[in-house]
PDB file of N, CA and C in Angstrom:
ATOM      1  N   UNK A   1     -10.394 -16.488 -32.548  1.00  0.00           N
ATOM      2  CA  UNK A   1      -9.389 -17.274 -31.686  1.00  0.00           C
ATOM      3  C   UNK A   1      -9.768 -15.966 -30.281  1.00  0.00           C
ATOM      4  N   UNK A   2     -10.343 -17.202 -29.222  1.00  0.00           N
ATOM      5  CA  UNK A   2     -10.908 -16.416 -27.889  1.00  0.00           C
ATOM      6  C   UNK A   2      -9.487 -16.908 -26.868  1.00  0.00           C
ATOM      7  N   UNK A   3      -9.240 -15.145 -26.298  1.00  0.00           N
ATOM      8  CA  UNK A   3      -8.005 -15.573 -25.518  1.00  0.00           C
ATOM      9  C   UNK A   3      -8.425 -15.872 -24.026  1.00  0.00           C
ATOM     10  N   UNK A   4      -8.334 -17.021 -23.513  1.00  0.00           N
ATOM     11  CA  UNK A   4      -8.463 -17.618 -21.707  1.00  0.00           C
ATOM     12  C   UNK A   4      -7.363 -16.444 -21.117  1.00  0.00           C
ATOM     13  N   UNK A   5      -6.248 -15.540 -21.002  1.00  0.00           N
ATOM     14  CA  UNK A   5      -5.447 -15.263 -20.694  1.00  0.00           C
ATOM     15  C   UNK A   5      -5.821 -13.826 -19.765  1.00  0.00           C
ATOM     16  N   UNK A   6      -5.999 -13.801 -18.668  1.00  0.00           N
ATOM     17  CA  UNK A   6      -6.410 -12.950 -18.075  1.00  0.00           C
ATOM     18  C   UNK A   6      -5.801 -11.770 -18.363  1.00  0.00           C
ATOM     19  N   UNK A   7      -6.397 -10.496 -17.998  1.00  0.00           N
ATOM     20  CA  UNK A   7      -5.595  -9.149 -18.587  1.00  0.00           C
ATOM     21  C   UNK A   7      -4.788  -8.855 -17.118  1.00  0.00           C
ATOM     22  N   UNK A   8      -3.106  -8.591 -17.393  1.00  0.00           N
ATOM     23  CA  UNK A   8      -2.086  -8.114 -16.578  1.00  0.00           C
ATOM     24  C   UNK A   8      -2.608  -7.193 -15.865  1.00  0.00           C
ATOM     25  N   UNK A   9      -2.416  -7.647 -14.353  1.00  0.00           N
ATOM     26  CA  UNK A   9      -2.437  -6.216 -13.801  1.00  0.00           C
ATOM     27  C   UNK A   9      -1.620  -5.509 -12.944  1.00  0.00           C
ATOM     28  N   UNK A  10      -0.551  -6.421 -13.201  1.00  0.00           N
ATOM     29  CA  UNK A  10       0.481  -5.028 -12.612  1.00  0.00           C
ATOM     30  C   UNK A  10       1.104  -4.180 -14.009  1.00  0.00           C
ATOM     31  N   UNK A  11       2.289  -3.649 -13.694  1.00  0.00           N
ATOM     32  CA  UNK A  11       2.859  -2.378 -14.137  1.00  0.00           C
ATOM     33  C   UNK A  11       3.803  -3.192 -15.293  1.00  0.00           C
ATOM     34  N   UNK A  12       3.903  -3.308 -16.414  1.00  0.00           N
ATOM     35  CA  UNK A  12       4.869  -3.495 -17.717  1.00  0.00           C
ATOM     36  C   UNK A  12       6.228  -3.111 -16.944  1.00  0.00           C
ATOM     37  N   UNK A  13       6.931  -4.143 -17.617  1.00  0.00           N
ATOM     38  CA  UNK A  13       8.513  -4.450 -17.610  1.00  0.00           C
ATOM     39  C   UNK A  13       9.408  -3.609 -18.316  1.00  0.00           C
ATOM     40  N   UNK A  14      10.199  -2.913 -17.847  1.00  0.00           N
ATOM     41  CA  UNK A  14      11.087  -1.677 -18.430  1.00  0.00           C
ATOM     42  C   UNK A  14      10.551  -0.974 -18.928  1.00  0.00           C
ATOM     43  N   UNK A  15       9.439   0.145 -18.248  1.00  0.00           N
ATOM     44  CA  UNK A  15       9.141   1.370 -18.744  1.00  0.00           C
ATOM     45  C   UNK A  15       9.012   1.744 -16.851  1.00  0.00           C
ATOM     46  N   UNK A  16       9.262   3.355 -17.061  1.00  0.00           N
ATOM     47  CA  UNK A  16       8.765   3.930 -16.052  1.00  0.00           C
ATOM     48  C   UNK A  16       7.510   4.444 -15.946  1.00  0.00           C
ATOM     49  N   UNK A  17       7.236   4.535 -14.491  1.00  0.00           N
ATOM     50  CA  UNK A  17       5.369   4.784 -14.355  1.00  0.00           C
ATOM     51  C   UNK A  17       5.776   5.959 -13.059  1.00  0.00           C
ATOM     52  N   UNK A  18       5.002   6.826 -13.070  1.00  0.00           N
ATOM     53  CA  UNK A  18       4.893   8.135 -11.607  1.00  0.00           C
ATOM     54  C   UNK A  18       3.721   6.965 -10.632  1.00  0.00           C
ATOM     55  N   UNK A  19       4.422   6.917  -9.468  1.00  0.00           N
ATOM     56  CA  UNK A  19       3.872   6.338  -8.489  1.00  0.00           C
ATOM     57  C   UNK A  19       2.533   6.641  -8.006  1.00  0.00           C
ATOM     58  N   UNK A  20       2.741   8.345  -8.032  1.00  0.00           N
ATOM     59  CA  UNK A  20       0.974   9.309  -7.944  1.00  0.00           C
ATOM     60  C   UNK A  20       0.136   8.994  -8.678  1.00  0.00           C
ATOM     61  N   UNK A  21       0.609   8.465  -9.878  1.00  0.00           N
ATOM     62  CA  UNK A  21      -0.213   8.413 -11.079  1.00  0.00           C
ATOM     63  C   UNK A  21      -1.203   6.876 -10.988  1.00  0.00           C
ATOM     64  N   UNK A  22      -0.563   5.507 -10.465  1.00  0.00           N
ATOM     65  CA  UNK A  22      -0.857   4.090 -10.469  1.00  0.00           C
ATOM     66  C   UNK A  22      -1.944   3.835  -9.861  1.00  0.00           C
ATOM     67  N   UNK A  23      -2.455   4.633  -8.995  1.00  0.00           N
ATOM     68  CA  UNK A  23      -3.503   4.571  -8.118  1.00  0.00           C
ATOM     69  C   UNK A  23      -4.438   5.974  -8.553  1.00  0.00           C
ATOM     70  N   UNK A  24      -5.424   5.731  -8.442  1.00  0.00           N
ATOM     71  CA  UNK A  24      -6.886   7.093  -7.734  1.00  0.00           C
ATOM     72  C   UNK A  24      -7.126   7.587  -7.081  1.00  0.00           C
ATOM     73  N   UNK A  25      -7.203   8.646  -6.372  1.00  0.00           N
ATOM     74  CA  UNK A  25      -8.692   8.585  -5.042  1.00  0.00           C
ATOM     75  C   UNK A  25      -9.453   8.487  -5.471  1.00  0.00           C
ATOM     76  N   UNK A  26     -10.362   7.674  -4.235  1.00  0.00           N
ATOM     77  CA  UNK A  26     -11.660   7.801  -4.840  1.00  0.00           C
ATOM     78  C   UNK A  26     -12.720   8.308  -3.494  1.00  0.00           C
ATOM     79  N   UNK A  27     -13.366   9.052  -3.370  1.00  0.00           N
ATOM     80  CA  UNK A  27     -13.981   9.970  -2.278  1.00  0.00           C
ATOM     81  C   UNK A  27     -14.583   8.904  -1.348  1.00  0.00           C
ATOM     82  N   UNK A  28     -14.291   9.102  -0.655  1.00  0.00           N
ATOM     83  CA  UNK A  28     -14.971   7.859   1.287  1.00  0.00           C
ATOM     84  C   UNK A  28     -14.250   6.953   0.824  1.00  0.00           C
ATOM     85  N   UNK A  29     -13.397   6.575  -0.087  1.00  0.00           N
ATOM     86  CA  UNK A  29     -12.644   5.173  -0.010  1.00  0.00           C
ATOM     87  C   UNK A  29     -11.277   4.844  -0.193  1.00  0.00           C
ATOM     88  N   UNK A  30     -10.850   3.500  -0.130  1.00  0.00           N
ATOM     89  CA  UNK A  30      -9.179   2.984  -0.108  1.00  0.00           C
ATOM     90  C   UNK A  30      -9.013   2.178  -1.415  1.00  0.00           C
ATOM     91  N   UNK A  31      -8.215   2.611  -1.867  1.00  0.00           N
ATOM     92  CA  UNK A  31      -7.855   2.061  -3.591  1.00  0.00           C
ATOM     93  C   UNK A  31      -7.069   1.384  -3.180  1.00  0.00           C
ATOM     94  N   UNK A  32      -6.453   0.235  -4.273  1.00  0.00           N
ATOM     95  CA  UNK A  32      -5.303  -0.076  -4.016  1.00  0.00           C
ATOM     96  C   UNK A  32      -5.405  -1.330  -5.568  1.00  0.00           C
ATOM     97  N   UNK A  33      -4.119  -1.282  -6.190  1.00  0.00           N
ATOM     98  CA  UNK A  33      -3.440  -1.543  -6.844  1.00  0.00           C
ATOM     99  C   UNK A  33      -2.345  -2.545  -6.984  1.00  0.00           C
ATOM    100  N   UNK A  34      -2.678  -3.772  -6.984  1.00  0.00           N
ATOM    101  CA  UNK A  34      -1.535  -4.776  -7.162  1.00  0.00           C
ATOM    102  C   UNK A  34      -0.353  -4.793  -8.085  1.00  0.00           C
ATOM    103  N   UNK A  35       0.997  -3.721  -8.005  1.00  0.00           N
ATOM    104  CA  UNK A  35       1.786  -3.519  -8.935  1.00  0.00           C
ATOM    105  C   UNK A  35       2.804  -5.231  -9.838  1.00  0.00           C
ATOM    106  N   UNK A  36       3.264  -5.808  -8.343  1.00  0.00           N
ATOM    107  CA  UNK A  36       3.710  -6.758  -8.663  1.00  0.00           C
ATOM    108  C   UNK A  36       3.493  -7.428  -7.893  1.00  0.00           C
ATOM    109  N   UNK A  37       3.113  -9.343  -8.130  1.00  0.00           N
ATOM    110  CA  UNK A  37       3.013 -10.233  -7.329  1.00  0.00           C
ATOM    111  C   UNK A  37       3.598 -11.366  -8.305  1.00  0.00           C
ATOM    112  N   UNK A  38       4.825 -12.019  -6.986  1.00  0.00           N
ATOM    113  CA  UNK A  38       5.315 -13.110  -6.646  1.00  0.00           C
ATOM    114  C   UNK A  38       4.970 -13.861  -5.925  1.00  0.00           C
ATOM    115  N   UNK A  39       5.286 -15.543  -6.228  1.00  0.00           N
ATOM    116  CA  UNK A  39       5.798 -16.174  -4.649  1.00  0.00           C
ATOM    117  C   UNK A  39       6.242 -15.591  -3.677  1.00  0.00           C
ATOM    118  N   UNK A  40       6.986 -15.162  -3.770  1.00  0.00           N
ATOM    119  CA  UNK A  40       7.971 -14.302  -2.507  1.00  0.00           C
ATOM    120  C   UNK A  40       7.432 -13.294  -1.722  1.00  0.00           C
ATOM    121  N   UNK A  41       6.611 -12.422  -2.532  1.00  0.00           N
ATOM    122  CA  UNK A  41       6.203 -11.360  -1.990  1.00  0.00           C
ATOM    123  C   UNK A  41       4.864 -10.515  -2.922  1.00  0.00           C
ATOM    124  N   UNK A  42       4.964  -9.299  -2.612  1.00  0.00           N
ATOM    125  CA  UNK A  42       4.097  -8.039  -3.364  1.00  0.00           C
ATOM    126  C   UNK A  42       4.143  -7.248  -2.854  1.00  0.00           C
ATOM    127  N   UNK A  43       4.044  -5.841  -4.263  1.00  0.00           N
ATOM    128  CA  UNK A  43       4.108  -4.998  -4.370  1.00  0.00           C
ATOM    129  C   UNK A  43       2.520  -4.335  -4.766  1.00  0.00           C
ATOM    130  N   UNK A  44       2.012  -3.086  -3.621  1.00  0.00           N
ATOM    131  CA  UNK A  44       0.921  -2.677  -3.750  1.00  0.00           C
ATOM    132  C   UNK A  44       0.339  -1.548  -3.379  1.00  0.00           C
ATOM    133  N   UNK A  45       0.276  -0.872  -4.335  1.00  0.00           N
ATOM    134  CA  UNK A  45      -0.304   0.656  -4.368  1.00  0.00           C
ATOM    135  C   UNK A  45      -1.278   1.423  -4.022  1.00  0.00           C
ATOM    136  N   UNK A  46      -1.592   2.008  -2.909  1.00  0.00           N
ATOM    137  CA  UNK A  46      -2.863   2.459  -2.343  1.00  0.00           C
ATOM    138  C   UNK A  46      -3.021   3.938  -2.428  1.00  0.00           C
ATOM    139  N   UNK A  47      -4.497   4.279  -2.201  1.00  0.00           N
ATOM    140  CA  UNK A  47      -4.802   5.656  -2.052  1.00  0.00           C
ATOM    141  C   UNK A  47      -5.899   5.671  -0.985  1.00  0.00           C
ATOM    142  N   UNK A  48      -5.595   6.677   0.066  1.00  0.00           N
ATOM    143  CA  UNK A  48      -6.824   6.553   0.937  1.00  0.00           C
ATOM    144  C   UNK A  48      -7.053   7.760   0.729  1.00  0.00           C
ATOM    145  N   UNK A  49      -8.690   8.026   0.990  1.00  0.00           N
ATOM    146  CA  UNK A  49      -9.299   8.802   0.932  1.00  0.00           C
ATOM    147  C   UNK A  49      -9.234   9.919   2.559  1.00  0.00           C
ATOM    148  N   UNK A  50      -8.721  11.249   3.098  1.00  0.00           N
ATOM    149  CA  UNK A  50      -9.242  11.578   4.044  1.00  0.00           C
ATOM    150  C   UNK A  50     -10.185  11.178   4.960  1.00  0.00           C
ATOM    151  N   UNK A  51      -9.405  10.265   6.267  1.00  0.00           N
ATOM    152  CA  UNK A  51     -10.319   9.752   6.726  1.00  0.00           C
ATOM    153  C   UNK A  51     -10.647   8.261   7.116  1.00  0.00           C
ATOM    154  N   UNK A  52      -9.948   7.887   5.782  1.00  0.00           N
ATOM    155  CA  UNK A  52     -10.418   6.329   5.779  1.00  0.00           C
ATOM    156  C   UNK A  52      -8.735   5.875   6.242  1.00  0.00           C
ATOM    157  N   UNK A  53      -9.037   3.988   5.917  1.00  0.00           N
ATOM    158  CA  UNK A  53      -7.965   3.538   6.593  1.00  0.00           C
ATOM    159  C   UNK A  53      -7.946   1.805   6.893  1.00  0.00           C
ATOM    160  N   UNK A  54      -6.910   0.905   7.034  1.00  0.00           N
ATOM    161  CA  UNK A  54      -7.666  -0.175   7.219  1.00  0.00           C
ATOM    162  C   UNK A  54      -7.147  -0.197   8.780  1.00  0.00           C
ATOM    163  N   UNK A  55      -7.951  -1.207   9.293  1.00  0.00           N
ATOM    164  CA  UNK A  55      -8.738  -1.549  10.643  1.00  0.00           C
ATOM    165  C   UNK A  55      -7.383  -2.176  10.568  1.00  0.00           C
ATOM    166  N   UNK A  56      -7.206  -2.605  12.498  1.00  0.00           N
ATOM    167  CA  UNK A  56      -6.141  -3.282  12.730  1.00  0.00           C
ATOM    168  C   UNK A  56      -6.361  -4.904  12.467  1.00  0.00           C
ATOM    169  N   UNK A  57      -4.563  -5.021  11.725  1.00  0.00           N
ATOM    170  CA  UNK A  57      -4.988  -6.441  11.758  1.00  0.00           C
ATOM    171  C   UNK A  57      -3.384  -6.994  11.639  1.00  0.00           C
ATOM    172  N   UNK A  58      -3.449  -8.095  11.472  1.00  0.00           N
ATOM    173  CA  UNK A  58      -1.838  -8.879  11.292  1.00  0.00           C
ATOM    174  C   UNK A  58      -1.125  -9.567  10.383  1.00  0.00           C
ATOM    175  N   UNK A  59      -0.177  -9.503  10.105  1.00  0.00           N
ATOM    176  CA  UNK A  59      -0.084 -10.138   9.031  1.00  0.00           C
ATOM    177  C   UNK A  59       1.534 -11.187   9.548  1.00  0.00           C
ATOM    178  N   UNK A  60       1.850 -12.840   8.701  1.00  0.00           N
ATOM    179  CA  UNK A  60       2.902 -13.403   9.625  1.00  0.00           C
ATOM    180  C   UNK A  60       4.118 -12.743   8.376  1.00  0.00           C
ATOM    181  N   UNK A  61       4.154 -11.918   7.670  1.00  0.00           N
ATOM    182  CA  UNK A  61       5.528 -11.335   7.066  1.00  0.00           C
ATOM    183  C   UNK A  61       6.141  -9.759   7.399  1.00  0.00           C
ATOM    184  N   UNK A  62       7.065  -9.507   7.582  1.00  0.00           N
ATOM    185  CA  UNK A  62       7.110  -7.990   6.972  1.00  0.00           C
ATOM    186  C   UNK A  62       6.667  -7.654   6.025  1.00  0.00           C
ATOM    187  N   UNK A  63       6.734  -5.560   5.948  1.00  0.00           N
ATOM    188  CA  UNK A  63       6.133  -5.038   4.851  1.00  0.00           C
ATOM    189  C   UNK A  63       6.692  -3.987   5.364  1.00  0.00           C
ATOM    190  N   UNK A  64       7.200  -3.525   4.272  1.00  0.00           N
ATOM    191  CA  UNK A  64       7.564  -1.224   4.174  1.00  0.00           C
ATOM    192  C   UNK A  64       6.576  -0.960   3.572  1.00  0.00           C
ATOM    193  N   UNK A  65       6.503   0.227   3.873  1.00  0.00           N
ATOM    194  CA  UNK A  65       5.595   1.093   4.017  1.00  0.00           C
ATOM    195  C   UNK A  65       6.072   2.194   3.616  1.00  0.00           C
ATOM    196  N   UNK A  66       6.348   2.859   1.742  1.00  0.00           N
ATOM    197  CA  UNK A  66       6.214   4.023   1.612  1.00  0.00           C
ATOM    198  C   UNK A  66       5.665   4.915   1.445  1.00  0.00           C
ATOM    199  N   UNK A  67       5.555   6.178   2.338  1.00  0.00           N
ATOM    200  CA  UNK A  67       4.525   6.761   1.679  1.00  0.00           C
ATOM    201  C   UNK A  67       4.660   8.199   0.648  1.00  0.00           C
ATOM    202  N   UNK A  68       4.085   7.743  -0.489  1.00  0.00           N
ATOM    203  CA  UNK A  68       4.137   8.718  -1.772  1.00  0.00           C
ATOM    204  C   UNK A  68       3.670  10.181  -1.550  1.00  0.00           C
ATOM    205  N   UNK A  69       2.762  10.459  -0.876  1.00  0.00           N
ATOM    206  CA  UNK A  69       1.944  11.787  -1.368  1.00  0.00           C
ATOM    207  C   UNK A  69       0.957  12.092   0.253  1.00  0.00           C
ATOM    208  N   UNK A  70       0.874  12.973   0.783  1.00  0.00           N
ATOM    209  CA  UNK A  70      -0.155  12.921   2.020  1.00  0.00           C
ATOM    210  C   UNK A  70       0.465  12.938   3.404  1.00  0.00           C
ATOM    211  N   UNK A  71      -0.151  12.415   3.938  1.00  0.00           N
ATOM    212  CA  UNK A  71      -0.492  12.310   5.810  1.00  0.00           C
ATOM    213  C   UNK A  71      -1.130  11.561   6.075  1.00  0.00           C
ATOM    214  N   UNK A  72      -0.761  10.538   7.142  1.00  0.00           N
ATOM    215  CA  UNK A  72      -1.190   9.449   7.833  1.00  0.00           C
ATOM    216  C   UNK A  72      -0.815   9.022   9.431  1.00  0.00           C
ATOM    217  N   UNK A  73      -1.607   8.509   9.879  1.00  0.00           N
ATOM    218  CA  UNK A  73      -1.340   8.027  10.693  1.00  0.00           C
ATOM    219  C   UNK A  73      -1.142   6.092  10.869  1.00  0.00           C
ATOM    220  N   UNK A  74       0.056   5.654  10.981  1.00  0.00           N
ATOM    221  CA  UNK A  74      -0.310   3.964  11.292  1.00  0.00           C
ATOM    222  C   UNK A  74       0.159   3.903  12.643  1.00  0.00           C
ATOM    223  N   UNK A  75      -0.514   2.877  13.218  1.00  0.00           N
ATOM    224  CA  UNK A  75      -0.525   2.433  14.559  1.00  0.00           C
ATOM    225  C   UNK A  75       0.216   0.921  14.252  1.00  0.00           C
ATOM    226  N   UNK A  76       1.551   0.815  15.219  1.00  0.00           N
ATOM    227  CA  UNK A  76       1.819  -0.204  15.346  1.00  0.00           C
ATOM    228  C   UNK A  76       2.132  -1.058  16.601  1.00  0.00           C
ATOM    229  N   UNK A  77       1.225  -1.854  17.127  1.00  0.00           N
ATOM    230  CA  UNK A  77       1.435  -2.698  18.597  1.00  0.00           C
ATOM    231  C   UNK A  77       1.394  -1.680  19.517  1.00  0.00           C
ATOM    232  N   UNK A  78       0.179  -0.733  19.130  1.00  0.00           N
ATOM    233  CA  UNK A  78       0.053   0.213  20.347  1.00  0.00           C
ATOM    234  C   UNK A  78       0.251   1.799  20.070  1.00  0.00           C
ATOM    235  N   UNK A  79       1.692   1.823  19.166  1.00  0.00           N
ATOM    236  CA  UNK A  79       2.145   2.655  19.216  1.00  0.00           C
ATOM    237  C   UNK A  79       1.903   4.035  17.710  1.00  0.00           C
ATOM    238  N   UNK A  80       1.226   4.757  17.714  1.00  0.00           N
ATOM    239  CA  UNK A  80       1.017   5.673  16.772  1.00  0.00           C
ATOM    240  C   UNK A  80       2.145   6.527  16.046  1.00  0.00           C
ATOM    241  N   UNK A  81       2.118   6.422  14.830  1.00  0.00           N
ATOM    242  CA  UNK A  81       3.136   6.881  14.047  1.00  0.00           C
ATOM    243  C   UNK A  81       2.861   7.958  13.246  1.00  0.00           C
ATOM    244  N   UNK A  82       3.087   8.993  12.980  1.00  0.00           N
ATOM    245  CA  UNK A  82       2.685  10.079  12.587  1.00  0.00           C
ATOM    246  C   UNK A  82       3.821   9.613  10.635  1.00  0.00           C
ATOM    247  N   UNK A  83       3.053   9.914   9.752  1.00  0.00           N
ATOM    248  CA  UNK A  83       4.016   9.492   8.264  1.00  0.00           C
ATOM    249  C   UNK A  83       3.534  10.319   6.782  1.00  0.00           C
ATOM    250  N   UNK A  84       4.479  11.231   6.586  1.00  0.00           N
ATOM    251  CA  UNK A  84       4.202  12.022   5.513  1.00  0.00           C
ATOM    252  C   UNK A  84       5.209  11.887   4.389  1.00  0.00           C
ATOM    253  N   UNK A  85       4.544  12.608   3.047  1.00  0.00           N
ATOM    254  CA  UNK A  85       5.780  11.788   1.614  1.00  0.00           C
ATOM    255  C   UNK A  85       6.982  11.642   1.787  1.00  0.00           C
ATOM    256  N   UNK A  86       7.735  11.086   1.366  1.00  0.00           N
ATOM    257  CA  UNK A  86       9.000  10.391   1.789  1.00  0.00           C
ATOM    258  C   UNK A  86       9.346   9.647   2.627  1.00  0.00           C
ATOM    259  N   UNK A  87       8.269   9.482   3.881  1.00  0.00           N
ATOM    260  CA  UNK A  87       9.003   8.149   4.965  1.00  0.00           C
ATOM    261  C   UNK A  87       8.914   6.531   4.686  1.00  0.00           C
ATOM    262  N   UNK A  88       9.514   6.218   5.472  1.00  0.00           N
ATOM    263  CA  UNK A  88       8.827   4.968   5.341  1.00  0.00           C
ATOM    264  C   UNK A  88       9.101   4.349   6.785  1.00  0.00           C
ATOM    265  N   UNK A  89       8.257   3.425   6.509  1.00  0.00           N
ATOM    266  CA  UNK A  89       8.048   2.684   7.746  1.00  0.00           C
ATOM    267  C   UNK A  89       8.174   1.168   7.972  1.00  0.00           C
ATOM    268  N   UNK A  90       8.919   0.254   8.699  1.00  0.00           N
ATOM    269  CA  UNK A  90       8.824  -1.223   8.684  1.00  0.00           C
ATOM    270  C   UNK A  90       7.592  -1.391   9.099  1.00  0.00           C
ATOM    271  N   UNK A  91       6.666  -2.637   9.010  1.00  0.00           N
ATOM    272  CA  UNK A  91       5.798  -3.242   9.561  1.00  0.00           C
ATOM    273  C   UNK A  91       6.096  -4.654   9.844  1.00  0.00           C
ATOM    274  N   UNK A  92       6.836  -4.938  10.880  1.00  0.00           N
ATOM    275  CA  UNK A  92       7.027  -5.976  11.456  1.00  0.00           C
ATOM    276  C   UNK A  92       6.241  -7.179  11.779  1.00  0.00           C
ATOM    277  N   UNK A  93       6.276  -8.648  11.214  1.00  0.00           N
ATOM    278  CA  UNK A  93       5.789  -9.492  11.136  1.00  0.00           C
ATOM    279  C   UNK A  93       5.060  -9.682  12.356  1.00  0.00           C
ATOM    280  N   UNK A  94       3.701 -10.026  12.299  1.00  0.00           N
ATOM    281  CA  UNK A  94       2.892 -10.716  13.654  1.00  0.00           C
ATOM    282  C   UNK A  94       2.684  -9.582  15.011  1.00  0.00           C
ATOM    283  N   UNK A  95       2.631  -8.404  14.597  1.00  0.00           N
ATOM    284  CA  UNK A  95       2.427  -7.087  15.554  1.00  0.00           C
ATOM    285  C   UNK A  95       1.379  -6.571  14.502  1.00  0.00           C
ATOM    286  N   UNK A  96       0.018  -6.471  15.687  1.00  0.00           N
ATOM    287  CA  UNK A  96      -1.403  -5.412  15.024  1.00  0.00           C
ATOM    288  C   UNK A  96      -0.453  -4.140  14.565  1.00  0.00           C
ATOM    289  N   UNK A  97      -1.679  -3.945  13.414  1.00  0.00           N
ATOM    290  CA  UNK A  97      -1.160  -2.396  12.515  1.00  0.00           C
ATOM    291  C   UNK A  97      -1.979  -2.096  12.045  1.00  0.00           C
ATOM    292  N   UNK A  98      -2.441  -0.760  12.210  1.00  0.00           N
ATOM    293  CA  UNK A  98      -3.966  -0.138  11.196  1.00  0.00           C
ATOM    294  C   UNK A  98      -3.134   0.850  10.720  1.00  0.00           C
ATOM    295  N   UNK A  99      -4.121   1.465   9.352  1.00  0.00           N
ATOM    296  CA  UNK A  99      -3.635   2.747   8.820  1.00  0.00           C
ATOM    297  C   UNK A  99      -4.936   3.507   8.936  1.00  0.00           C
ATOM    298  N   UNK A 100      -4.208   4.906   9.368  1.00  0.00           N
ATOM    299  CA  UNK A 100      -5.583   5.795   8.836  1.00  0.00           C
ATOM    300  C   UNK A 100      -5.612   7.388   8.512  1.00  0.00           C
ATOM    301  N   UNK A 101      -5.966   7.810   7.273  1.00  0.00           N
ATOM    302  CA  UNK A 101      -5.326   8.972   6.506  1.00  0.00           C
ATOM    303  C   UNK A 101      -5.513  10.004   7.260  1.00  0.00           C
ATOM    304  N   UNK A 102      -4.762  10.762   7.539  1.00  0.00           N
ATOM    305  CA  UNK A 102      -4.983  12.351   7.813  1.00  0.00           C
ATOM    306  C   UNK A 102      -5.129  13.392   7.449  1.00  0.00           C
ATOM    307  N   UNK A 103      -4.742  13.173   5.821  1.00  0.00           N
ATOM    308  CA  UNK A 103      -4.975  13.807   4.624  1.00  0.00           C
ATOM    309  C   UNK A 103      -5.427  12.650   3.824  1.00  0.00           C
ATOM    310  N   UNK A 104      -5.605  13.013   2.213  1.00  0.00           N
ATOM    311  CA  UNK A 104      -5.283  11.887   1.240  1.00  0.00           C
ATOM    312  C   UNK A 104      -3.734  11.478   1.451  1.00  0.00           C
ATOM    313  N   UNK A 105      -4.048  10.484   1.289  1.00  0.00           N
ATOM    314  CA  UNK A 105      -2.464   9.697   0.956  1.00  0.00           C
ATOM    315  C   UNK A 105      -2.755   8.439   0.099  1.00  0.00           C
ATOM    316  N   UNK A 106      -0.976   8.547   0.047  1.00  0.00           N
ATOM    317  CA  UNK A 106      -0.627   7.452  -1.246  1.00  0.00           C
ATOM    318  C   UNK A 106       0.422   6.515  -0.407  1.00  0.00           C
ATOM    319  N   UNK A 107       0.571   5.550  -0.797  1.00  0.00           N
ATOM    320  CA  UNK A 107       1.293   4.665  -0.454  1.00  0.00           C
ATOM    321  C   UNK A 107       1.798   2.889  -0.799  1.00  0.00           C
ATOM    322  N   UNK A 108       3.122   2.980  -0.834  1.00  0.00           N
ATOM    323  CA  UNK A 108       3.541   1.757  -1.544  1.00  0.00           C
ATOM    324  C   UNK A 108       3.767   0.452  -0.057  1.00  0.00           C
ATOM    325  N   UNK A 109       2.891  -0.811  -0.595  1.00  0.00           N
ATOM    326  CA  UNK A 109       3.251  -1.446   0.395  1.00  0.00           C
ATOM    327  C   UNK A 109       3.711  -2.647  -0.118  1.00  0.00           C
ATOM    328  N   UNK A 110       5.140  -2.963   0.082  1.00  0.00           N
ATOM    329  CA  UNK A 110       6.403  -3.934  -0.090  1.00  0.00           C
ATOM    330  C   UNK A 110       6.074  -5.539   0.862  1.00  0.00           C
ATOM    331  N   UNK A 111       5.867  -6.477   0.603  1.00  0.00           N
ATOM    332  CA  UNK A 111       5.237  -7.746   1.134  1.00  0.00           C
ATOM    333  C   UNK A 111       6.773  -8.808   0.945  1.00  0.00           C
ATOM    334  N   UNK A 112       7.079  -9.045   1.988  1.00  0.00           N
ATOM    335  CA  UNK A 112       8.256 -10.143   1.949  1.00  0.00           C
ATOM    336  C   UNK A 112       8.105 -11.102   2.575  1.00  0.00           C
ATOM    337  N   UNK A 113       7.695 -12.240   2.029  1.00  0.00           N
ATOM    338  CA  UNK A 113       7.230 -13.378   2.437  1.00  0.00           C
ATOM    339  C   UNK A 113       8.419 -14.705   2.602  1.00  0.00           C
ATOM    340  N   UNK A 114       8.611 -14.602   3.742  1.00  0.00           N
ATOM    341  CA  UNK A 114       9.836 -15.547   4.156  1.00  0.00           C
ATOM    342  C   UNK A 114      10.017 -16.617   4.899  1.00  0.00           C
TER     343      UNK A 114
END
């Protein structure tokens, strides 16, 4: 029998995982992994190699950034904010923002759709 169920990309239920190990660095790249996806929001883990980033963009929803490892500069509406492991930052809906890793950087992005 052939299964047509797509492979599960999210993390398994009721199991502990190290955030640092959910996504690996790749030289010269940004790597992301969706670990939870629902109609009302999603959680994505990112790994940025040093000097890599996400260009300025907007989102119609609020998002929370949790810095897991390393350092980055996140610009929100023209205001540059330095983030390091352990910091959190709210990215407000409809405000332009960008990410640039000043060192290798891992973060969790939680987006709430409302």
